[in-house]
Amino acid sequence: MNKVIALLAVVLLTLLSSAALAENVTVSWEWPTTYCDGEVLPLTDLRAAEIYVSEASIPRVVSNCDPDGPRDVPPAGAIIANVPVSDTSMTIDLQCDTTYYFVIRAQALNGEWSNFSGEASRVLDCARPDVPITVILT
């Protein structure tokens, strides 16, 4: 009987420590105010956005505003969050002591997607959960 209680205590402690390893993190961003060529971009020209979160750096292509140039490809295995233009933040559950990489891309009213923003990275320190992660579209 004592062995069963000890085993249950170990299982319970394992479950509790695993639960403590995840943290709700607020990811916030700023919408772009210009197109890649510097022209003013009204927020009304945007339909939505996708945020990609990965434990590995997210490959991006260098774009020179060529609409027929190479396009970024969403990374396999990344967490993808769809966000409406009215939002500027979201909460996502991530693992503590893990480095995460974030990019965001916007969709125009005509359905075209931008390339990825500059990449932001952060080691999630669950001892400091109130430190927000900000992704700025560039």
C-alpha atoms as a PDB file:
ATOM      1  CA  MET A   1       0.000   0.000   0.000  1.00  0.00           C
ATOM      2  CA  ASN A   2       2.841   2.443   0.862  1.00  0.00           C
ATOM      3  CA  LYS A   3       4.462   1.683  -2.517  1.00  0.00           C
ATOM      4  CA  VAL A   4       1.217   2.593  -4.298  1.00  0.00           C
ATOM      5  CA  ILE A   5       0.915   5.858  -2.343  1.00  0.00           C
ATOM      6  CA  ALA A   6       4.570   6.679  -3.060  1.00  0.00           C
ATOM      7  CA  LEU A   7       4.066   5.931  -6.761  1.00  0.00           C
ATOM      8  CA  LEU A   8       0.936   8.116  -6.875  1.00  0.00           C
ATOM      9  CA  ALA A   9       2.839  10.914  -5.138  1.00  0.00           C
ATOM     10  CA  VAL A  10       5.612  10.708  -7.753  1.00  0.00           C
ATOM     11  CA  VAL A  11       3.070  10.733 -10.604  1.00  0.00           C
ATOM     12  CA  LEU A  12       1.216  13.688  -9.053  1.00  0.00           C
ATOM     13  CA  LEU A  13       4.452  15.651  -8.561  1.00  0.00           C
ATOM     14  CA  THR A  14       5.445  14.921 -12.150  1.00  0.00           C
ATOM     15  CA  LEU A  15       2.085  16.155 -13.435  1.00  0.00           C
ATOM     16  CA  LEU A  16       2.247  19.279 -11.289  1.00  0.00           C
ATOM     17  CA  SER A  17       5.775  20.109 -12.377  1.00  0.00           C
ATOM     18  CA  SER A  18       4.857  19.535 -16.044  1.00  0.00           C
ATOM     19  CA  ALA A  19       1.883  21.864 -15.696  1.00  0.00           C
ATOM     20  CA  ALA A  20       4.158  24.501 -14.177  1.00  0.00           C
ATOM     21  CA  LEU A  21       6.423  24.368 -17.225  1.00  0.00           C
ATOM     22  CA  ALA A  22       3.844  26.066 -19.450  1.00  0.00           C
ATOM     23  CA  GLU A  23       2.922  29.724 -19.333  1.00  0.00           C
ATOM     24  CA  ASN A  24       0.358  31.910 -21.030  1.00  0.00           C
ATOM     25  CA  VAL A  25       2.325  34.568 -22.887  1.00  0.00           C
ATOM     26  CA  THR A  26       0.935  37.714 -24.419  1.00  0.00           C
ATOM     27  CA  VAL A  27       2.285  38.348 -27.892  1.00  0.00           C
ATOM     28  CA  SER A  28       1.596  41.839 -29.198  1.00  0.00           C
ATOM     29  CA  TRP A  29       2.427  43.555 -32.448  1.00  0.00           C
ATOM     30  CA  GLU A  30       2.160  46.798 -34.318  1.00  0.00           C
ATOM     31  CA  TRP A  31       0.533  46.890 -37.717  1.00  0.00           C
ATOM     32  CA  PRO A  32       2.673  48.297 -40.518  1.00  0.00           C
ATOM     33  CA  THR A  33       2.069  51.879 -41.565  1.00  0.00           C
ATOM     34  CA  THR A  34       3.884  51.739 -44.907  1.00  0.00           C
ATOM     35  CA  TYR A  35       4.257  49.360 -47.808  1.00  0.00           C
ATOM     36  CA  CYS A  36       7.733  47.957 -48.476  1.00  0.00           C
ATOM     37  CA  ASP A  37       8.319  50.771 -50.981  1.00  0.00           C
ATOM     38  CA  GLY A  38       7.600  53.423 -48.329  1.00  0.00           C
ATOM     39  CA  GLU A  39       4.092  54.342 -49.500  1.00  0.00           C
ATOM     40  CA  VAL A  40       1.506  54.883 -46.745  1.00  0.00           C
ATOM     41  CA  LEU A  41      -0.412  51.701 -45.863  1.00  0.00           C
ATOM     42  CA  PRO A  42      -3.859  52.394 -44.416  1.00  0.00           C
ATOM     43  CA  LEU A  43      -5.015  49.779 -41.908  1.00  0.00           C
ATOM     44  CA  THR A  44      -8.178  49.476 -44.006  1.00  0.00           C
ATOM     45  CA  ASP A  45      -6.049  47.876 -46.762  1.00  0.00           C
ATOM     46  CA  LEU A  46      -5.360  44.846 -44.537  1.00  0.00           C
ATOM     47  CA  ARG A  47      -7.646  41.830 -44.121  1.00  0.00           C
ATOM     48  CA  ALA A  48      -5.890  39.663 -41.504  1.00  0.00           C
ATOM     49  CA  ALA A  49      -2.564  38.298 -40.336  1.00  0.00           C
ATOM     50  CA  GLU A  50      -0.890  35.076 -39.321  1.00  0.00           C
ATOM     51  CA  ILE A  51       1.635  34.777 -36.509  1.00  0.00           C
ATOM     52  CA  TYR A  52       4.117  31.917 -36.616  1.00  0.00           C
ATOM     53  CA  VAL A  53       5.811  30.685 -33.442  1.00  0.00           C
ATOM     54  CA  SER A  54       8.592  28.131 -33.653  1.00  0.00           C
ATOM     55  CA  GLU A  55      11.369  26.681 -31.525  1.00  0.00           C
ATOM     56  CA  ALA A  56      13.730  27.125 -34.500  1.00  0.00           C
ATOM     57  CA  SER A  57      14.601  30.255 -36.410  1.00  0.00           C
ATOM     58  CA  ILE A  58      12.073  30.785 -39.207  1.00  0.00           C
ATOM     59  CA  PRO A  59      13.636  31.046 -42.695  1.00  0.00           C
ATOM     60  CA  ARG A  60      12.699  34.180 -44.614  1.00  0.00           C
ATOM     61  CA  VAL A  61      13.459  35.386 -48.113  1.00  0.00           C
ATOM     62  CA  VAL A  62      14.868  38.828 -48.711  1.00  0.00           C
ATOM     63  CA  SER A  63      12.332  40.823 -50.700  1.00  0.00           C
ATOM     64  CA  ASN A  64      12.885  43.975 -52.675  1.00  0.00           C
ATOM     65  CA  CYS A  65       9.174  44.726 -53.148  1.00  0.00           C
ATOM     66  CA  ASP A  66       9.024  42.659 -56.328  1.00  0.00           C
ATOM     67  CA  PRO A  67       5.446  41.271 -56.443  1.00  0.00           C
ATOM     68  CA  ASP A  68       6.711  38.391 -58.597  1.00  0.00           C
ATOM     69  CA  GLY A  69       9.747  37.754 -56.371  1.00  0.00           C
ATOM     70  CA  PRO A  70      10.225  34.830 -54.005  1.00  0.00           C
ATOM     71  CA  ARG A  71       7.667  34.395 -51.230  1.00  0.00           C
ATOM     72  CA  ASP A  72       8.119  33.174 -47.668  1.00  0.00           C
ATOM     73  CA  VAL A  73       6.873  29.670 -46.977  1.00  0.00           C
ATOM     74  CA  PRO A  74       5.144  28.969 -43.659  1.00  0.00           C
ATOM     75  CA  PRO A  75       7.415  26.746 -41.562  1.00  0.00           C
ATOM     76  CA  ALA A  76       6.395  23.137 -40.919  1.00  0.00           C
ATOM     77  CA  GLY A  77       5.640  22.419 -37.290  1.00  0.00           C
ATOM     78  CA  ALA A  78       5.187  26.052 -36.261  1.00  0.00           C
ATOM     79  CA  ILE A  79       2.278  27.231 -34.188  1.00  0.00           C
ATOM     80  CA  ILE A  80       0.092  29.336 -36.457  1.00  0.00           C
ATOM     81  CA  ALA A  81      -2.361  31.853 -35.084  1.00  0.00           C
ATOM     82  CA  ASN A  82      -4.776  33.702 -37.338  1.00  0.00           C
ATOM     83  CA  VAL A  83      -5.562  37.186 -36.104  1.00  0.00           C
ATOM     84  CA  PRO A  84      -8.006  39.803 -37.380  1.00  0.00           C
ATOM     85  CA  VAL A  85      -6.844  43.331 -38.163  1.00  0.00           C
ATOM     86  CA  SER A  86      -8.764  44.651 -35.158  1.00  0.00           C
ATOM     87  CA  ASP A  87      -6.412  42.789 -32.781  1.00  0.00           C
ATOM     88  CA  THR A  88      -2.981  43.878 -31.612  1.00  0.00           C
ATOM     89  CA  SER A  89      -2.268  41.079 -29.148  1.00  0.00           C
ATOM     90  CA  MET A  90      -3.065  37.473 -28.346  1.00  0.00           C
ATOM     91  CA  THR A  91      -2.330  34.981 -25.596  1.00  0.00           C
ATOM     92  CA  ILE A  92      -0.614  31.719 -26.365  1.00  0.00           C
ATOM     93  CA  ASP A  93       0.495  28.855 -24.113  1.00  0.00           C
ATOM     94  CA  LEU A  94       4.249  28.199 -24.413  1.00  0.00           C
ATOM     95  CA  GLN A  95       6.788  26.057 -22.562  1.00  0.00           C
ATOM     96  CA  CYS A  96       9.126  27.624 -20.002  1.00  0.00           C
ATOM     97  CA  ASP A  97      12.884  27.819 -20.535  1.00  0.00           C
ATOM     98  CA  THR A  98      12.471  27.429 -24.286  1.00  0.00           C
ATOM     99  CA  THR A  99      13.607  29.855 -26.967  1.00  0.00           C
ATOM    100  CA  TYR A 100      10.810  30.854 -29.326  1.00  0.00           C
ATOM    101  CA  TYR A 101      10.982  32.664 -32.646  1.00  0.00           C
ATOM    102  CA  PHE A 102       8.124  34.831 -33.897  1.00  0.00           C
ATOM    103  CA  VAL A 103       7.223  36.247 -37.300  1.00  0.00           C
ATOM    104  CA  ILE A 104       4.017  37.705 -38.609  1.00  0.00           C
ATOM    105  CA  ARG A 105       2.690  38.301 -42.093  1.00  0.00           C
ATOM    106  CA  ALA A 106      -0.246  40.397 -43.238  1.00  0.00           C
ATOM    107  CA  GLN A 107      -2.884  39.717 -45.857  1.00  0.00           C
ATOM    108  CA  ALA A 108      -4.124  42.521 -48.100  1.00  0.00           C
ATOM    109  CA  LEU A 109      -7.769  42.903 -49.091  1.00  0.00           C
ATOM    110  CA  ASN A 110      -6.946  41.377 -52.501  1.00  0.00           C
ATOM    111  CA  GLY A 111      -5.848  38.150 -50.746  1.00  0.00           C
ATOM    112  CA  GLU A 112      -2.102  38.597 -51.284  1.00  0.00           C
ATOM    113  CA  TRP A 113       0.162  37.772 -48.345  1.00  0.00           C
ATOM    114  CA  SER A 114       3.193  39.818 -47.401  1.00  0.00           C
ATOM    115  CA  ASN A 115       6.507  38.188 -46.715  1.00  0.00           C
ATOM    116  CA  PHE A 116       7.318  37.599 -43.056  1.00  0.00           C
ATOM    117  CA  SER A 117       8.164  40.419 -40.731  1.00  0.00           C
ATOM    118  CA  GLY A 118      11.520  40.648 -39.071  1.00  0.00           C
ATOM    119  CA  GLU A 119      11.994  37.833 -36.604  1.00  0.00           C
ATOM    120  CA  ALA A 120      11.706  38.337 -32.859  1.00  0.00           C
ATOM    121  CA  SER A 121      13.014  35.758 -30.430  1.00  0.00           C
ATOM    122  CA  ARG A 122      12.608  35.270 -26.737  1.00  0.00           C
ATOM    123  CA  VAL A 123      13.593  32.719 -24.130  1.00  0.00           C
ATOM    124  CA  LEU A 124      10.414  32.192 -22.159  1.00  0.00           C
ATOM    125  CA  ASP A 125      11.306  32.805 -18.535  1.00  0.00           C
ATOM    126  CA  CYS A 126       8.296  31.696 -16.502  1.00  0.00           C
ATOM    127  CA  ALA A 127       9.777  33.327 -13.432  1.00  0.00           C
ATOM    128  CA  ARG A 128       8.922  36.612 -15.197  1.00  0.00           C
ATOM    129  CA  PRO A 129       5.581  35.930 -16.940  1.00  0.00           C
ATOM    130  CA  ASP A 130       4.555  39.579 -17.052  1.00  0.00           C
ATOM    131  CA  VAL A 131       7.255  40.501 -19.584  1.00  0.00           C
ATOM    132  CA  PRO A 132       5.374  40.781 -22.906  1.00  0.00           C
ATOM    133  CA  ILE A 133       6.701  39.603 -26.243  1.00  0.00           C
ATOM    134  CA  THR A 134       6.312  42.243 -28.936  1.00  0.00           C
ATOM    135  CA  VAL A 135       6.527  41.438 -32.623  1.00  0.00           C
ATOM    136  CA  ILE A 136       6.863  44.470 -34.878  1.00  0.00           C
ATOM    137  CA  LEU A 137       6.041  44.093 -38.558  1.00  0.00           C
ATOM    138  CA  THR A 138       8.846  45.410 -40.727  1.00  0.00           C
END
